Amino acid sequence: MRSIKYLLLILIFSLFSCKKNNLNIKVTKDVKKNDLKIMLKTLDENNKPKNYLIFNEGSKNDIPNGYGENDWTVYYKDSLIVSFRHFKTNRNHKHDYNFDFNFLNGEFKYSISIDGNDTFNLKNQ
């Protein structure tokens, strides 16, 4: 009976700890997803800076659980659109990363929201 409780506890813990960071990208018809690139620079387990390609040419990659300063850069057609820093207070915090892109009066517009323990919002709309 004791081993069943232990196994159940491990199973419950596993279910809650397996949640991954989630990336959502929304574009209007005048913005091509294949022309977007999203990069992340954060510290690895040895406190060394490491670059990650999060989104490129319509393809998503996993978002690592970087602790502290997470530096994001967004490019459209190889031009820098926005660069920002998101500070995470705990490596185990999972987030939903939401990027919305469109053109308005010929200008590239963005709205970025990060939902989770360490929320963040940025937009130029």
N, C-alpha and C. Protein backbone atom coordinates (compact mmCIF):
# COMPACT_ATOMS: atom_id res chain seq x y z
N MET A 1 0.82 -1.19 0.00
CA MET A 1 0.00 0.00 0.00
C MET A 1 0.87 1.26 0.00
N ARG A 2 1.95 1.19 0.76
CA ARG A 2 2.85 2.33 0.84
C ARG A 2 3.49 2.62 -0.52
N SER A 3 3.85 1.60 -1.25
CA SER A 3 4.48 1.79 -2.56
C SER A 3 3.49 2.36 -3.57
N ILE A 4 2.21 2.03 -3.43
CA ILE A 4 1.19 2.59 -4.33
C ILE A 4 1.05 4.10 -4.09
N LYS A 5 1.06 4.52 -2.83
CA LYS A 5 0.98 5.94 -2.51
C LYS A 5 2.20 6.67 -3.06
N TYR A 6 3.35 6.06 -2.90
CA TYR A 6 4.59 6.65 -3.40
C TYR A 6 4.55 6.79 -4.92
N LEU A 7 4.10 5.76 -5.61
CA LEU A 7 3.98 5.78 -7.06
C LEU A 7 2.98 6.83 -7.51
N LEU A 8 1.86 6.94 -6.82
CA LEU A 8 0.85 7.94 -7.14
C LEU A 8 1.41 9.35 -6.96
N LEU A 9 2.15 9.57 -5.91
CA LEU A 9 2.76 10.86 -5.67
C LEU A 9 3.74 11.23 -6.78
N ILE A 10 4.54 10.28 -7.22
CA ILE A 10 5.48 10.52 -8.32
C ILE A 10 4.73 10.83 -9.61
N LEU A 11 3.67 10.12 -9.87
CA LEU A 11 2.88 10.35 -11.08
C LEU A 11 2.27 11.75 -11.08
N ILE A 12 1.70 12.16 -9.97
CA ILE A 12 1.10 13.50 -9.87
C ILE A 12 2.17 14.56 -10.06
N PHE A 13 3.30 14.40 -9.40
CA PHE A 13 4.39 15.36 -9.53
C PHE A 13 4.87 15.43 -10.99
N SER A 14 4.96 14.31 -11.66
CA SER A 14 5.42 14.26 -13.05
C SER A 14 4.47 15.00 -13.97
N LEU A 15 3.19 14.83 -13.75
CA LEU A 15 2.20 15.50 -14.60
C LEU A 15 2.31 17.01 -14.49
N PHE A 16 2.50 17.52 -13.29
CA PHE A 16 2.56 18.96 -13.10
C PHE A 16 3.91 19.54 -13.48
N SER A 17 4.96 18.78 -13.40
CA SER A 17 6.28 19.30 -13.71
C SER A 17 6.62 19.19 -15.20
N CYS A 18 5.82 18.51 -15.98
CA CYS A 18 6.11 18.31 -17.39
C CYS A 18 5.59 19.43 -18.29
N LYS A 19 4.90 20.39 -17.71
CA LYS A 19 4.39 21.49 -18.52
C LYS A 19 5.55 22.24 -19.15
N LYS A 20 5.45 22.51 -20.42
CA LYS A 20 6.51 23.20 -21.14
C LYS A 20 6.10 24.65 -21.37
N ASN A 21 7.09 25.46 -21.68
CA ASN A 21 6.81 26.81 -22.15
C ASN A 21 6.08 26.69 -23.48
N ASN A 22 5.15 27.62 -23.71
CA ASN A 22 4.32 27.56 -24.89
C ASN A 22 4.54 28.81 -25.74
N LEU A 23 4.70 28.64 -27.04
CA LEU A 23 4.90 29.73 -27.98
C LEU A 23 3.69 29.86 -28.89
N ASN A 24 3.10 31.07 -28.92
CA ASN A 24 1.96 31.37 -29.80
C ASN A 24 2.33 32.54 -30.68
N ILE A 25 2.23 32.35 -31.98
CA ILE A 25 2.53 33.41 -32.93
C ILE A 25 1.30 33.64 -33.79
N LYS A 26 0.86 34.90 -33.81
CA LYS A 26 -0.32 35.27 -34.59
C LYS A 26 0.09 36.39 -35.55
N VAL A 27 -0.25 36.21 -36.81
CA VAL A 27 0.07 37.23 -37.82
C VAL A 27 -1.18 37.54 -38.64
N THR A 28 -1.20 38.74 -39.20
CA THR A 28 -2.26 39.08 -40.15
C THR A 28 -1.81 38.63 -41.54
N LYS A 29 -2.71 38.70 -42.50
CA LYS A 29 -2.40 38.16 -43.83
C LYS A 29 -1.25 38.88 -44.53
N ASP A 30 -0.94 40.11 -44.12
CA ASP A 30 0.14 40.84 -44.76
C ASP A 30 1.52 40.56 -44.16
N VAL A 31 1.58 39.76 -43.10
CA VAL A 31 2.85 39.37 -42.49
C VAL A 31 3.07 37.88 -42.78
N LYS A 32 4.23 37.57 -43.34
CA LYS A 32 4.54 36.17 -43.65
C LYS A 32 5.31 35.54 -42.50
N LYS A 33 4.76 34.47 -41.94
CA LYS A 33 5.45 33.76 -40.85
C LYS A 33 6.83 33.27 -41.26
N ASN A 34 6.98 32.90 -42.53
CA ASN A 34 8.27 32.38 -42.99
C ASN A 34 9.36 33.44 -42.98
N ASP A 35 9.00 34.72 -42.86
CA ASP A 35 9.99 35.80 -42.80
C ASP A 35 10.31 36.23 -41.38
N LEU A 36 9.74 35.56 -40.39
CA LEU A 36 9.99 35.87 -38.99
C LEU A 36 11.09 35.00 -38.41
N LYS A 37 11.90 35.60 -37.54
CA LYS A 37 12.89 34.84 -36.78
C LYS A 37 12.87 35.38 -35.35
N ILE A 38 12.78 34.49 -34.37
CA ILE A 38 12.80 34.87 -32.96
C ILE A 38 13.95 34.14 -32.29
N MET A 39 14.82 34.93 -31.65
CA MET A 39 16.00 34.39 -30.97
C MET A 39 15.90 34.68 -29.47
N LEU A 40 16.51 33.81 -28.69
CA LEU A 40 16.58 33.97 -27.24
C LEU A 40 18.01 33.73 -26.78
N LYS A 41 18.50 34.64 -25.94
CA LYS A 41 19.81 34.45 -25.32
C LYS A 41 19.61 34.41 -23.82
N THR A 42 20.08 33.32 -23.21
CA THR A 42 19.93 33.14 -21.77
C THR A 42 21.17 32.42 -21.24
N LEU A 43 21.24 32.26 -19.95
CA LEU A 43 22.37 31.56 -19.36
C LEU A 43 22.06 30.07 -19.25
N ASP A 44 23.04 29.24 -19.57
CA ASP A 44 22.86 27.80 -19.44
C ASP A 44 23.12 27.36 -18.01
N GLU A 45 23.17 26.08 -17.77
CA GLU A 45 23.35 25.52 -16.42
C GLU A 45 24.68 25.94 -15.79
N ASN A 46 25.66 26.29 -16.62
CA ASN A 46 26.99 26.70 -16.14
C ASN A 46 27.16 28.21 -16.12
N ASN A 47 26.05 28.94 -16.22
CA ASN A 47 26.05 30.41 -16.24
C ASN A 47 26.82 30.99 -17.42
N LYS A 48 26.82 30.28 -18.52
CA LYS A 48 27.43 30.76 -19.76
C LYS A 48 26.31 31.19 -20.71
N PRO A 49 26.48 32.32 -21.42
CA PRO A 49 25.44 32.75 -22.37
C PRO A 49 25.26 31.73 -23.49
N LYS A 50 24.02 31.50 -23.84
CA LYS A 50 23.72 30.56 -24.92
C LYS A 50 22.59 31.13 -25.76
N ASN A 51 22.73 31.03 -27.08
CA ASN A 51 21.71 31.50 -28.02
C ASN A 51 20.84 30.35 -28.47
N TYR A 52 19.54 30.63 -28.57
CA TYR A 52 18.57 29.64 -29.03
C TYR A 52 17.75 30.24 -30.17
N LEU A 53 17.56 29.48 -31.21
CA LEU A 53 16.66 29.85 -32.29
C LEU A 53 15.29 29.30 -31.94
N ILE A 54 14.37 30.17 -31.55
CA ILE A 54 13.05 29.76 -31.06
C ILE A 54 12.06 29.59 -32.20
N PHE A 55 12.13 30.49 -33.19
CA PHE A 55 11.20 30.42 -34.32
C PHE A 55 11.95 30.88 -35.56
N ASN A 56 11.85 30.08 -36.63
CA ASN A 56 12.52 30.44 -37.88
C ASN A 56 11.79 29.82 -39.05
N GLU A 57 11.45 30.66 -40.01
CA GLU A 57 10.81 30.21 -41.25
C GLU A 57 9.60 29.32 -40.98
N GLY A 58 8.80 29.71 -40.00
CA GLY A 58 7.57 28.99 -39.71
C GLY A 58 7.73 27.78 -38.80
N SER A 59 8.94 27.51 -38.37
CA SER A 59 9.21 26.33 -37.54
C SER A 59 9.52 26.74 -36.10
N LYS A 60 8.84 26.09 -35.13
CA LYS A 60 9.03 26.37 -33.71
C LYS A 60 10.02 25.40 -33.09
N ASN A 61 10.79 25.93 -32.14
CA ASN A 61 11.66 25.11 -31.31
C ASN A 61 11.28 25.33 -29.85
N ASP A 62 11.68 24.42 -28.98
CA ASP A 62 11.36 24.54 -27.57
C ASP A 62 12.02 25.77 -26.96
N ILE A 63 11.32 26.37 -26.00
CA ILE A 63 11.85 27.50 -25.25
C ILE A 63 12.49 26.95 -23.98
N PRO A 64 13.78 27.19 -23.78
CA PRO A 64 14.44 26.65 -22.60
C PRO A 64 13.98 27.37 -21.32
N ASN A 65 14.25 26.77 -20.19
CA ASN A 65 13.87 27.34 -18.90
C ASN A 65 15.00 28.16 -18.32
N GLY A 66 15.37 29.22 -18.99
CA GLY A 66 16.45 30.08 -18.51
C GLY A 66 16.03 30.87 -17.28
N TYR A 67 16.94 30.99 -16.35
CA TYR A 67 16.70 31.74 -15.12
C TYR A 67 17.34 33.12 -15.25
N GLY A 68 16.69 34.14 -14.72
CA GLY A 68 17.26 35.49 -14.72
C GLY A 68 16.95 36.22 -16.01
N GLU A 69 17.98 36.84 -16.59
CA GLU A 69 17.80 37.67 -17.78
C GLU A 69 17.65 36.81 -19.03
N ASN A 70 16.52 36.95 -19.68
CA ASN A 70 16.26 36.27 -20.95
C ASN A 70 16.14 37.36 -22.01
N ASP A 71 17.11 37.43 -22.92
CA ASP A 71 17.14 38.47 -23.93
C ASP A 71 16.58 37.95 -25.25
N TRP A 72 15.50 38.58 -25.70
CA TRP A 72 14.79 38.18 -26.90
C TRP A 72 15.06 39.18 -28.02
N THR A 73 15.18 38.67 -29.25
CA THR A 73 15.25 39.52 -30.43
C THR A 73 14.31 38.95 -31.49
N VAL A 74 13.63 39.85 -32.17
CA VAL A 74 12.68 39.46 -33.21
C VAL A 74 13.11 40.14 -34.51
N TYR A 75 13.21 39.34 -35.58
CA TYR A 75 13.58 39.85 -36.89
C TYR A 75 12.45 39.56 -37.88
N TYR A 76 12.28 40.50 -38.81
CA TYR A 76 11.36 40.27 -39.93
C TYR A 76 12.13 40.61 -41.20
N LYS A 77 12.23 39.65 -42.09
CA LYS A 77 13.01 39.79 -43.32
C LYS A 77 14.41 40.28 -43.01
N ASP A 78 15.04 39.67 -42.03
CA ASP A 78 16.41 39.96 -41.61
C ASP A 78 16.61 41.36 -41.03
N SER A 79 15.55 42.09 -40.73
CA SER A 79 15.65 43.39 -40.07
C SER A 79 15.19 43.25 -38.62
N LEU A 80 15.95 43.85 -37.72
CA LEU A 80 15.59 43.82 -36.31
C LEU A 80 14.31 44.60 -36.09
N ILE A 81 13.31 43.95 -35.48
CA ILE A 81 12.03 44.60 -35.18
C ILE A 81 11.99 45.06 -33.74
N VAL A 82 12.36 44.18 -32.82
CA VAL A 82 12.33 44.53 -31.41
C VAL A 82 13.30 43.63 -30.65
N SER A 83 13.86 44.19 -29.60
CA SER A 83 14.72 43.45 -28.69
C SER A 83 14.27 43.81 -27.28
N PHE A 84 14.13 42.81 -26.42
CA PHE A 84 13.66 43.08 -25.06
C PHE A 84 14.21 42.05 -24.09
N ARG A 85 14.15 42.40 -22.82
CA ARG A 85 14.62 41.50 -21.76
C ARG A 85 13.45 41.11 -20.87
N HIS A 86 13.31 39.81 -20.66
CA HIS A 86 12.30 39.26 -19.75
C HIS A 86 13.06 38.61 -18.60
N PHE A 87 12.75 39.02 -17.38
CA PHE A 87 13.46 38.49 -16.22
C PHE A 87 12.62 37.41 -15.57
N LYS A 88 13.18 36.20 -15.48
CA LYS A 88 12.51 35.07 -14.84
C LYS A 88 13.10 34.85 -13.45
N THR A 89 12.24 34.78 -12.47
CA THR A 89 12.69 34.65 -11.08
C THR A 89 12.92 33.20 -10.65
N ASN A 90 12.52 32.25 -11.49
CA ASN A 90 12.68 30.84 -11.13
C ASN A 90 12.77 30.02 -12.42
N ARG A 91 13.76 29.18 -12.51
CA ARG A 91 13.95 28.34 -13.71
C ARG A 91 12.76 27.42 -13.96
N ASN A 92 12.02 27.07 -12.91
CA ASN A 92 10.90 26.14 -13.05
C ASN A 92 9.60 26.81 -13.47
N HIS A 93 9.55 28.13 -13.52
CA HIS A 93 8.34 28.81 -13.96
C HIS A 93 8.13 28.59 -15.46
N LYS A 94 6.95 28.17 -15.82
CA LYS A 94 6.59 27.98 -17.22
C LYS A 94 5.72 29.16 -17.66
N HIS A 95 5.81 29.52 -18.93
CA HIS A 95 5.11 30.69 -19.43
C HIS A 95 4.48 30.41 -20.79
N ASP A 96 3.49 31.24 -21.11
CA ASP A 96 2.93 31.29 -22.46
C ASP A 96 3.48 32.55 -23.11
N TYR A 97 4.21 32.39 -24.21
CA TYR A 97 4.82 33.49 -24.94
C TYR A 97 3.95 33.79 -26.15
N ASN A 98 3.35 34.97 -26.18
CA ASN A 98 2.40 35.35 -27.23
C ASN A 98 2.96 36.51 -28.05
N PHE A 99 3.11 36.29 -29.34
CA PHE A 99 3.61 37.30 -30.25
C PHE A 99 2.54 37.56 -31.32
N ASP A 100 2.11 38.80 -31.46
CA ASP A 100 1.16 39.20 -32.50
C ASP A 100 1.84 40.23 -33.39
N PHE A 101 1.79 39.99 -34.72
CA PHE A 101 2.45 40.87 -35.67
C PHE A 101 1.47 41.29 -36.77
N ASN A 102 1.59 42.55 -37.21
CA ASN A 102 0.79 43.04 -38.32
C ASN A 102 1.43 44.30 -38.89
N PHE A 103 0.92 44.73 -40.02
CA PHE A 103 1.30 46.01 -40.61
C PHE A 103 0.14 46.97 -40.43
N LEU A 104 0.44 48.20 -40.06
CA LEU A 104 -0.57 49.25 -39.92
C LEU A 104 0.00 50.51 -40.55
N ASN A 105 -0.66 51.00 -41.60
CA ASN A 105 -0.18 52.18 -42.33
C ASN A 105 1.28 52.05 -42.76
N GLY A 106 1.63 50.86 -43.22
CA GLY A 106 2.97 50.62 -43.72
C GLY A 106 4.02 50.37 -42.65
N GLU A 107 3.64 50.39 -41.39
CA GLU A 107 4.59 50.15 -40.30
C GLU A 107 4.37 48.77 -39.69
N PHE A 108 5.48 48.11 -39.37
CA PHE A 108 5.41 46.80 -38.73
C PHE A 108 5.05 47.00 -37.26
N LYS A 109 3.99 46.36 -36.81
CA LYS A 109 3.51 46.50 -35.44
C LYS A 109 3.58 45.16 -34.73
N TYR A 110 3.80 45.22 -33.43
CA TYR A 110 3.86 44.00 -32.63
C TYR A 110 3.19 44.21 -31.28
N SER A 111 2.73 43.13 -30.73
CA SER A 111 2.22 43.07 -29.37
C SER A 111 2.75 41.77 -28.78
N ILE A 112 3.48 41.89 -27.69
CA ILE A 112 4.11 40.74 -27.06
C ILE A 112 3.62 40.64 -25.63
N SER A 113 3.12 39.48 -25.26
CA SER A 113 2.72 39.27 -23.87
C SER A 113 3.26 37.92 -23.41
N ILE A 114 3.75 37.92 -22.20
CA ILE A 114 4.26 36.69 -21.59
C ILE A 114 3.43 36.46 -20.34
N ASP A 115 2.68 35.37 -20.34
CA ASP A 115 1.78 35.04 -19.24
C ASP A 115 2.38 33.93 -18.41
N GLY A 116 2.30 34.09 -17.10
CA GLY A 116 2.84 33.11 -16.17
C GLY A 116 3.25 33.83 -14.89
N ASN A 117 4.12 33.23 -14.12
CA ASN A 117 4.57 33.82 -12.86
C ASN A 117 5.28 35.15 -13.06
N ASP A 118 6.01 35.27 -14.15
CA ASP A 118 6.80 36.47 -14.44
C ASP A 118 6.23 37.14 -15.69
N THR A 119 5.11 37.84 -15.53
CA THR A 119 4.42 38.42 -16.68
C THR A 119 5.21 39.56 -17.30
N PHE A 120 4.91 39.80 -18.57
CA PHE A 120 5.60 40.85 -19.32
C PHE A 120 4.69 41.26 -20.48
N ASN A 121 4.64 42.55 -20.78
CA ASN A 121 3.86 43.06 -21.91
C ASN A 121 4.65 44.16 -22.60
N LEU A 122 4.60 44.14 -23.94
CA LEU A 122 5.30 45.14 -24.73
C LEU A 122 4.57 45.27 -26.06
N LYS A 123 4.34 46.51 -26.50
CA LYS A 123 3.74 46.68 -27.82
C LYS A 123 4.06 48.04 -28.37
N ASN A 124 3.98 48.15 -29.69
CA ASN A 124 4.15 49.43 -30.36
C ASN A 124 2.90 49.79 -31.16
N GLN A 125 1.77 49.21 -30.78
CA GLN A 125 0.52 49.46 -31.50
C GLN A 125 -0.30 50.53 -30.82
